[in-house]
Amino acid sequence: MSFRIQILFNNTAGRTDLATGIGFSALVGNDLLFDTGNNGGSLFANMEILGIDPMKISAVVISHDHWDHTGGLDDLLAVKPGITVYGCPGFGEELKRKITLNDGVFTSCSEYRQIGPGIFLTGELPGYYKGTYLAEQAMILETESGISIITGCAHPGIVNIVDRVIEHFSIKKLHAIIGGFHLNSHTEEELERVLDDLGNRDINLFAPMHCTGEKAIQTFSNRFSDKACILKSGDSLEI
């Protein structure tokens, strides 16, 4: 089993006809959406350019309740009433009500949960943003290459997420970590410490995006060389 991950929305794009902005969204396989970018107009425009029919989306995973990951959800619910939205119990009540009022089915994941063949969610992990508690979950894909993780912003800490997944699946090696690692506000010393920690884990591929920050993404590329994959909107990765 393998999965194709296509980046639908990100801070940067690999082609000029795609919308960009602060936010993240990725298509996993043919019909599973991970986050929805910062607005529906840009998300849907990018999907059209990339030949993706929003009507074929069967479910949505929201990593955490921040506007740059939930911005396109209203538009998707408008065209796909009844769609399942996987979230965390700690998400804001406003987001949960919005999903329900727009005929979405909010499915709360407090712990590890399998949502499809080879597709798992970590359930709610405790994170913090500007000193305030922030619930977040990550997606896990199990393929012939091994276990891979997709993160929205990794507010619980990318090293912490990696270690939790390694412990849960009783493995020693990860194939890939993909998505936002939230390192854009780290000092150089803090960034080096995170990269040292990740380098001490057996990880085959790093694909940092979004809130990882341009400086940190370049540092990943410099540090891990052929293990680093720099993805932008419109790019895809087979794992």
C-alpha atoms as a PDB file:
ATOM      1  CA  MET A   1       0.000   0.000   0.000  1.00  0.00           C
ATOM      2  CA  SER A   2       1.168   3.516  -0.771  1.00  0.00           C
ATOM      3  CA  PHE A   3      -0.314   7.012  -0.588  1.00  0.00           C
ATOM      4  CA  ARG A   4       0.060  10.043  -2.796  1.00  0.00           C
ATOM      5  CA  ILE A   5       0.138  13.277  -0.832  1.00  0.00           C
ATOM      6  CA  GLN A   6      -0.567  16.406  -2.866  1.00  0.00           C
ATOM      7  CA  ILE A   7      -0.076  19.855  -1.370  1.00  0.00           C
ATOM      8  CA  LEU A   8      -3.143  21.962  -2.155  1.00  0.00           C
ATOM      9  CA  PHE A   9      -2.344  25.068  -0.118  1.00  0.00           C
ATOM     10  CA  ASN A  10       0.860  26.295   1.482  1.00  0.00           C
ATOM     11  CA  ASN A  11       2.833  29.462   2.138  1.00  0.00           C
ATOM     12  CA  THR A  12       4.715  28.920  -1.120  1.00  0.00           C
ATOM     13  CA  ALA A  13       3.816  27.431  -4.507  1.00  0.00           C
ATOM     14  CA  GLY A  14       5.810  25.631  -7.136  1.00  0.00           C
ATOM     15  CA  ARG A  15       3.924  27.382  -9.954  1.00  0.00           C
ATOM     16  CA  THR A  16       2.629  30.916 -10.467  1.00  0.00           C
ATOM     17  CA  ASP A  17      -1.015  30.057 -11.133  1.00  0.00           C
ATOM     18  CA  LEU A  18      -1.610  28.657  -7.642  1.00  0.00           C
ATOM     19  CA  ALA A  19      -2.796  30.775  -4.712  1.00  0.00           C
ATOM     20  CA  THR A  20      -0.560  30.969  -1.649  1.00  0.00           C
ATOM     21  CA  GLY A  21      -0.862  32.372   1.840  1.00  0.00           C
ATOM     22  CA  ILE A  22      -0.363  31.472   5.466  1.00  0.00           C
ATOM     23  CA  GLY A  23      -2.047  28.103   5.770  1.00  0.00           C
ATOM     24  CA  PHE A  24      -1.918  24.440   4.900  1.00  0.00           C
ATOM     25  CA  SER A  25      -3.981  21.797   3.132  1.00  0.00           C
ATOM     26  CA  ALA A  26      -3.072  18.448   1.600  1.00  0.00           C
ATOM     27  CA  LEU A  27      -4.933  15.728  -0.268  1.00  0.00           C
ATOM     28  CA  VAL A  28      -4.113  12.252   1.022  1.00  0.00           C
ATOM     29  CA  GLY A  29      -4.846   9.552  -1.506  1.00  0.00           C
ATOM     30  CA  ASN A  30      -7.812  10.372  -3.726  1.00  0.00           C
ATOM     31  CA  ASP A  31     -10.430  11.624  -1.316  1.00  0.00           C
ATOM     32  CA  LEU A  32      -9.128  12.505   2.163  1.00  0.00           C
ATOM     33  CA  LEU A  33      -8.421  16.146   2.956  1.00  0.00           C
ATOM     34  CA  PHE A  34      -5.988  17.132   5.690  1.00  0.00           C
ATOM     35  CA  ASP A  35      -6.748  20.738   6.742  1.00  0.00           C
ATOM     36  CA  THR A  36      -8.374  23.322   4.481  1.00  0.00           C
ATOM     37  CA  GLY A  37      -6.022  26.296   4.158  1.00  0.00           C
ATOM     38  CA  ASN A  38      -6.947  29.815   5.177  1.00  0.00           C
ATOM     39  CA  ASN A  39      -9.915  30.421   2.849  1.00  0.00           C
ATOM     40  CA  GLY A  40     -12.222  28.470   0.613  1.00  0.00           C
ATOM     41  CA  GLY A  41     -11.762  30.627  -2.470  1.00  0.00           C
ATOM     42  CA  SER A  42      -8.039  29.941  -2.702  1.00  0.00           C
ATOM     43  CA  LEU A  43      -8.412  26.273  -1.770  1.00  0.00           C
ATOM     44  CA  PHE A  44     -11.104  25.635  -4.382  1.00  0.00           C
ATOM     45  CA  ALA A  45      -9.211  27.606  -7.034  1.00  0.00           C
ATOM     46  CA  ASN A  46      -6.100  25.514  -6.430  1.00  0.00           C
ATOM     47  CA  MET A  47      -8.123  22.310  -6.482  1.00  0.00           C
ATOM     48  CA  GLU A  48      -9.627  23.247  -9.838  1.00  0.00           C
ATOM     49  CA  ILE A  49      -6.215  24.059 -11.333  1.00  0.00           C
ATOM     50  CA  LEU A  50      -4.847  20.752 -10.023  1.00  0.00           C
ATOM     51  CA  GLY A  51      -7.820  18.802 -11.380  1.00  0.00           C
ATOM     52  CA  ILE A  52      -9.288  17.839  -8.015  1.00  0.00           C
ATOM     53  CA  ASP A  53     -13.072  17.647  -7.668  1.00  0.00           C
ATOM     54  CA  PRO A  54     -14.176  18.782  -4.168  1.00  0.00           C
ATOM     55  CA  MET A  55     -17.294  16.658  -4.572  1.00  0.00           C
ATOM     56  CA  LYS A  56     -15.080  13.571  -4.401  1.00  0.00           C
ATOM     57  CA  ILE A  57     -13.696  14.455  -0.968  1.00  0.00           C
ATOM     58  CA  SER A  58     -15.086  11.830   1.419  1.00  0.00           C
ATOM     59  CA  ALA A  59     -13.773  13.147   4.745  1.00  0.00           C
ATOM     60  CA  VAL A  60     -11.719  15.939   6.298  1.00  0.00           C
ATOM     61  CA  VAL A  61      -9.164  15.821   9.084  1.00  0.00           C
ATOM     62  CA  ILE A  62      -8.612  19.108  10.902  1.00  0.00           C
ATOM     63  CA  SER A  63      -5.304  19.177  12.728  1.00  0.00           C
ATOM     64  CA  HIS A  64      -6.158  22.074  15.029  1.00  0.00           C
ATOM     65  CA  ASP A  65      -8.567  24.960  15.445  1.00  0.00           C
ATOM     66  CA  HIS A  66      -6.666  27.811  13.802  1.00  0.00           C
ATOM     67  CA  TRP A  67      -8.005  29.889  10.913  1.00  0.00           C
ATOM     68  CA  ASP A  68      -5.159  29.007   8.555  1.00  0.00           C
ATOM     69  CA  HIS A  69      -6.166  25.338   8.756  1.00  0.00           C
ATOM     70  CA  THR A  70      -9.962  25.659   8.961  1.00  0.00           C
ATOM     71  CA  GLY A  71     -10.535  28.580   6.548  1.00  0.00           C
ATOM     72  CA  GLY A  72     -11.835  26.501   3.642  1.00  0.00           C
ATOM     73  CA  LEU A  73     -14.067  24.251   5.718  1.00  0.00           C
ATOM     74  CA  ASP A  74     -17.263  26.311   5.297  1.00  0.00           C
ATOM     75  CA  ASP A  75     -17.001  26.197   1.511  1.00  0.00           C
ATOM     76  CA  LEU A  76     -16.386  22.470   1.528  1.00  0.00           C
ATOM     77  CA  LEU A  77     -19.351  21.851   3.832  1.00  0.00           C
ATOM     78  CA  ALA A  78     -21.518  23.947   1.509  1.00  0.00           C
ATOM     79  CA  VAL A  79     -20.892  21.594  -1.415  1.00  0.00           C
ATOM     80  CA  LYS A  80     -20.549  18.389   0.633  1.00  0.00           C
ATOM     81  CA  PRO A  81     -23.234  18.362   3.338  1.00  0.00           C
ATOM     82  CA  GLY A  82     -22.970  15.368   5.626  1.00  0.00           C
ATOM     83  CA  ILE A  83     -19.217  14.992   5.221  1.00  0.00           C
ATOM     84  CA  THR A  84     -17.293  13.650   8.218  1.00  0.00           C
ATOM     85  CA  VAL A  85     -14.909  16.088   9.893  1.00  0.00           C
ATOM     86  CA  TYR A  86     -12.391  14.470  12.237  1.00  0.00           C
ATOM     87  CA  GLY A  87     -11.327  16.750  15.061  1.00  0.00           C
ATOM     88  CA  CYS A  88     -10.324  16.802  18.722  1.00  0.00           C
ATOM     89  CA  PRO A  89     -12.508  17.139  21.830  1.00  0.00           C
ATOM     90  CA  GLY A  90     -10.517  20.239  22.785  1.00  0.00           C
ATOM     91  CA  PHE A  91     -11.462  22.179  19.642  1.00  0.00           C
ATOM     92  CA  GLY A  92     -13.435  25.378  20.230  1.00  0.00           C
ATOM     93  CA  GLU A  93     -17.186  25.107  20.584  1.00  0.00           C
ATOM     94  CA  GLU A  94     -17.646  27.687  17.822  1.00  0.00           C
ATOM     95  CA  LEU A  95     -15.915  25.449  15.287  1.00  0.00           C
ATOM     96  CA  LYS A  96     -17.884  22.401  16.411  1.00  0.00           C
ATOM     97  CA  ARG A  97     -21.185  24.315  16.118  1.00  0.00           C
ATOM     98  CA  LYS A  98     -20.219  25.659  12.698  1.00  0.00           C
ATOM     99  CA  ILE A  99     -19.559  22.157  11.422  1.00  0.00           C
ATOM    100  CA  THR A 100     -22.881  20.879  12.765  1.00  0.00           C
ATOM    101  CA  LEU A 101     -24.880  23.877  11.534  1.00  0.00           C
ATOM    102  CA  ASN A 102     -23.398  23.412   8.070  1.00  0.00           C
ATOM    103  CA  ASP A 103     -24.541  19.751   8.035  1.00  0.00           C
ATOM    104  CA  GLY A 104     -21.105  18.337   8.720  1.00  0.00           C
ATOM    105  CA  VAL A 105     -20.615  15.366  11.037  1.00  0.00           C
ATOM    106  CA  PHE A 106     -18.062  16.255  13.710  1.00  0.00           C
ATOM    107  CA  THR A 107     -16.232  13.121  14.837  1.00  0.00           C
ATOM    108  CA  SER A 108     -14.181  13.660  17.958  1.00  0.00           C
ATOM    109  CA  CYS A 109     -10.900  11.751  18.364  1.00  0.00           C
ATOM    110  CA  SER A 110      -9.516  11.774  21.865  1.00  0.00           C
ATOM    111  CA  GLU A 111      -7.102   8.876  21.344  1.00  0.00           C
ATOM    112  CA  TYR A 112      -5.457   6.940  18.519  1.00  0.00           C
ATOM    113  CA  ARG A 113      -8.010   5.960  15.926  1.00  0.00           C
ATOM    114  CA  GLN A 114      -7.918   4.181  12.586  1.00  0.00           C
ATOM    115  CA  ILE A 115     -10.051   5.952   9.972  1.00  0.00           C
ATOM    116  CA  GLY A 116      -9.153   3.906   6.907  1.00  0.00           C
ATOM    117  CA  PRO A 117      -6.786   1.238   5.613  1.00  0.00           C
ATOM    118  CA  GLY A 118      -3.323   2.343   6.709  1.00  0.00           C
ATOM    119  CA  ILE A 119      -4.652   5.704   7.991  1.00  0.00           C
ATOM    120  CA  PHE A 120      -4.610   6.626  11.668  1.00  0.00           C
ATOM    121  CA  LEU A 121      -5.048   9.745  13.801  1.00  0.00           C
ATOM    122  CA  THR A 122      -3.105  10.388  17.003  1.00  0.00           C
ATOM    123  CA  GLY A 123      -6.128  11.857  18.740  1.00  0.00           C
ATOM    124  CA  GLU A 124      -5.776  14.965  20.867  1.00  0.00           C
ATOM    125  CA  LEU A 125      -2.228  15.934  21.789  1.00  0.00           C
ATOM    126  CA  PRO A 126      -1.688  18.820  24.216  1.00  0.00           C
ATOM    127  CA  GLY A 127      -0.069  21.842  22.624  1.00  0.00           C
ATOM    128  CA  TYR A 128       0.248  25.521  23.448  1.00  0.00           C
ATOM    129  CA  TYR A 129       0.078  28.700  21.419  1.00  0.00           C
ATOM    130  CA  LYS A 130       0.972  32.050  22.993  1.00  0.00           C
ATOM    131  CA  GLY A 131       0.598  30.477  26.431  1.00  0.00           C
ATOM    132  CA  THR A 132      -2.879  29.071  25.772  1.00  0.00           C
ATOM    133  CA  TYR A 133      -3.753  25.380  25.529  1.00  0.00           C
ATOM    134  CA  LEU A 134      -4.258  24.212  21.953  1.00  0.00           C
ATOM    135  CA  ALA A 135      -5.533  20.747  21.038  1.00  0.00           C
ATOM    136  CA  GLU A 136      -3.903  19.236  17.957  1.00  0.00           C
ATOM    137  CA  GLN A 137      -3.791  15.887  16.196  1.00  0.00           C
ATOM    138  CA  ALA A 138      -1.533  14.426  13.526  1.00  0.00           C
ATOM    139  CA  MET A 139      -2.185  11.859  10.806  1.00  0.00           C
ATOM    140  CA  ILE A 140      -0.240   8.622  10.525  1.00  0.00           C
ATOM    141  CA  LEU A 141       0.107   6.633   7.314  1.00  0.00           C
ATOM    142  CA  GLU A 142       1.276   3.031   7.322  1.00  0.00           C
ATOM    143  CA  THR A 143       2.721   1.876   3.996  1.00  0.00           C
ATOM    144  CA  GLU A 144       5.215  -0.646   2.679  1.00  0.00           C
ATOM    145  CA  SER A 145       7.887   2.021   3.280  1.00  0.00           C
ATOM    146  CA  GLY A 146       6.982   2.271   6.954  1.00  0.00           C
ATOM    147  CA  ILE A 147       5.206   4.767   9.201  1.00  0.00           C
ATOM    148  CA  SER A 148       4.888   8.416   8.129  1.00  0.00           C
ATOM    149  CA  ILE A 149       3.442  11.401   9.995  1.00  0.00           C
ATOM    150  CA  ILE A 150       1.598  14.445   8.604  1.00  0.00           C
ATOM    151  CA  THR A 151       1.352  17.449  10.915  1.00  0.00           C
ATOM    152  CA  GLY A 152      -0.570  20.691  10.599  1.00  0.00           C
ATOM    153  CA  CYS A 153       1.545  22.919  12.850  1.00  0.00           C
ATOM    154  CA  ALA A 154       3.023  20.552  15.463  1.00  0.00           C
ATOM    155  CA  HIS A 155       2.176  22.852  18.371  1.00  0.00           C
ATOM    156  CA  PRO A 156       2.693  19.886  20.751  1.00  0.00           C
ATOM    157  CA  GLY A 157       6.305  19.828  19.486  1.00  0.00           C
ATOM    158  CA  ILE A 158       7.486  17.935  16.435  1.00  0.00           C
ATOM    159  CA  VAL A 159       9.974  15.846  18.459  1.00  0.00           C
ATOM    160  CA  ASN A 160       7.262  15.012  20.989  1.00  0.00           C
ATOM    161  CA  ILE A 161       4.878  13.925  18.204  1.00  0.00           C
ATOM    162  CA  VAL A 162       7.570  11.771  16.611  1.00  0.00           C
ATOM    163  CA  ASP A 163       8.390  10.095  19.935  1.00  0.00           C
ATOM    164  CA  ARG A 164       4.722   9.444  20.735  1.00  0.00           C
ATOM    165  CA  VAL A 165       4.150   7.759  17.379  1.00  0.00           C
ATOM    166  CA  ILE A 166       7.326   5.686  17.689  1.00  0.00           C
ATOM    167  CA  GLU A 167       6.244   4.543  21.141  1.00  0.00           C
ATOM    168  CA  HIS A 168       2.632   3.829  20.152  1.00  0.00           C
ATOM    169  CA  PHE A 169       3.553   1.697  17.140  1.00  0.00           C
ATOM    170  CA  SER A 170       6.553   0.107  18.912  1.00  0.00           C
ATOM    171  CA  ILE A 171       8.878   0.982  16.038  1.00  0.00           C
ATOM    172  CA  LYS A 172      12.425   2.294  15.825  1.00  0.00           C
ATOM    173  CA  LYS A 173      12.263   3.969  12.425  1.00  0.00           C
ATOM    174  CA  LEU A 174       9.956   6.452  10.666  1.00  0.00           C
ATOM    175  CA  HIS A 175       9.731   6.771   6.918  1.00  0.00           C
ATOM    176  CA  ALA A 176       8.745  10.468   6.759  1.00  0.00           C
ATOM    177  CA  ILE A 177       7.528  13.487   8.684  1.00  0.00           C
ATOM    178  CA  ILE A 178       5.598  15.950   6.533  1.00  0.00           C
ATOM    179  CA  GLY A 179       3.915  19.314   7.142  1.00  0.00           C
ATOM    180  CA  GLY A 180       4.211  22.277   9.469  1.00  0.00           C
ATOM    181  CA  PHE A 181       6.731  21.894  12.299  1.00  0.00           C
ATOM    182  CA  HIS A 182       6.202  25.343  13.879  1.00  0.00           C
ATOM    183  CA  LEU A 183       9.827  26.374  14.093  1.00  0.00           C
ATOM    184  CA  ASN A 184       9.494  29.846  12.558  1.00  0.00           C
ATOM    185  CA  SER A 185       9.855  31.644  15.897  1.00  0.00           C
ATOM    186  CA  HIS A 186      12.648  29.454  17.273  1.00  0.00           C
ATOM    187  CA  THR A 187      16.007  30.957  18.034  1.00  0.00           C
ATOM    188  CA  GLU A 188      18.993  29.519  16.183  1.00  0.00           C
ATOM    189  CA  GLU A 189      19.973  27.598  19.306  1.00  0.00           C
ATOM    190  CA  GLU A 190      16.459  26.188  19.755  1.00  0.00           C
ATOM    191  CA  LEU A 191      16.272  25.223  16.089  1.00  0.00           C
ATOM    192  CA  GLU A 192      19.612  23.423  16.224  1.00  0.00           C
ATOM    193  CA  ARG A 193      18.458  21.517  19.298  1.00  0.00           C
ATOM    194  CA  VAL A 194      15.302  20.328  17.500  1.00  0.00           C
ATOM    195  CA  LEU A 195      17.299  19.275  14.442  1.00  0.00           C
ATOM    196  CA  ASP A 196      19.793  17.470  16.668  1.00  0.00           C
ATOM    197  CA  ASP A 197      16.924  15.586  18.339  1.00  0.00           C
ATOM    198  CA  LEU A 198      15.354  14.660  14.987  1.00  0.00           C
ATOM    199  CA  GLY A 199      18.732  13.651  13.629  1.00  0.00           C
ATOM    200  CA  ASN A 200      19.083  11.236  16.545  1.00  0.00           C
ATOM    201  CA  ARG A 201      15.871   9.495  15.483  1.00  0.00           C
ATOM    202  CA  ASP A 202      15.902   7.119  12.529  1.00  0.00           C
ATOM    203  CA  ILE A 203      13.853   9.143  10.009  1.00  0.00           C
ATOM    204  CA  ASN A 204      14.241   8.591   6.294  1.00  0.00           C
ATOM    205  CA  LEU A 205      12.595  11.754   4.919  1.00  0.00           C
ATOM    206  CA  PHE A 206      11.862  15.300   6.147  1.00  0.00           C
ATOM    207  CA  ALA A 207       9.303  17.460   4.298  1.00  0.00           C
ATOM    208  CA  PRO A 208       8.954  20.710   6.310  1.00  0.00           C
ATOM    209  CA  MET A 209       6.424  23.329   5.151  1.00  0.00           C
ATOM    210  CA  HIS A 210       4.105  26.127   6.258  1.00  0.00           C
ATOM    211  CA  CYS A 211       4.902  27.340   9.796  1.00  0.00           C
ATOM    212  CA  THR A 212       8.287  25.633   9.848  1.00  0.00           C
ATOM    213  CA  GLY A 213       9.572  28.936   8.468  1.00  0.00           C
ATOM    214  CA  GLU A 214      11.844  29.670   5.511  1.00  0.00           C
ATOM    215  CA  LYS A 215      15.015  29.804   7.586  1.00  0.00           C
ATOM    216  CA  ALA A 216      14.266  26.512   9.326  1.00  0.00           C
ATOM    217  CA  ILE A 217      13.286  24.834   6.040  1.00  0.00           C
ATOM    218  CA  GLN A 218      16.615  25.869   4.531  1.00  0.00           C
ATOM    219  CA  THR A 219      18.396  24.587   7.637  1.00  0.00           C
ATOM    220  CA  PHE A 220      16.639  21.221   7.237  1.00  0.00           C
ATOM    221  CA  SER A 221      17.819  21.133   3.632  1.00  0.00           C
ATOM    222  CA  ASN A 222      21.386  21.986   4.607  1.00  0.00           C
ATOM    223  CA  ARG A 223      21.517  19.604   7.548  1.00  0.00           C
ATOM    224  CA  PHE A 224      19.789  16.551   6.106  1.00  0.00           C
ATOM    225  CA  SER A 225      20.698  17.009   2.434  1.00  0.00           C
ATOM    226  CA  ASP A 226      19.222  14.122   0.423  1.00  0.00           C
ATOM    227  CA  LYS A 227      16.780  13.317   3.248  1.00  0.00           C
ATOM    228  CA  ALA A 228      15.073  16.722   2.911  1.00  0.00           C
ATOM    229  CA  CYS A 229      12.190  17.202   0.475  1.00  0.00           C
ATOM    230  CA  ILE A 230      11.008  20.800   0.031  1.00  0.00           C
ATOM    231  CA  LEU A 231       7.347  20.697  -1.035  1.00  0.00           C
ATOM    232  CA  LYS A 232       5.227  23.640  -2.206  1.00  0.00           C
ATOM    233  CA  SER A 233       1.619  24.047  -3.335  1.00  0.00           C
ATOM    234  CA  GLY A 234       1.021  21.831  -6.350  1.00  0.00           C
ATOM    235  CA  ASP A 235       3.792  19.387  -5.453  1.00  0.00           C
ATOM    236  CA  SER A 236       3.108  15.781  -4.570  1.00  0.00           C
ATOM    237  CA  LEU A 237       4.925  13.008  -2.761  1.00  0.00           C
ATOM    238  CA  GLU A 238       4.432   9.244  -2.988  1.00  0.00           C
ATOM    239  CA  ILE A 239       5.054   7.385   0.259  1.00  0.00           C
END
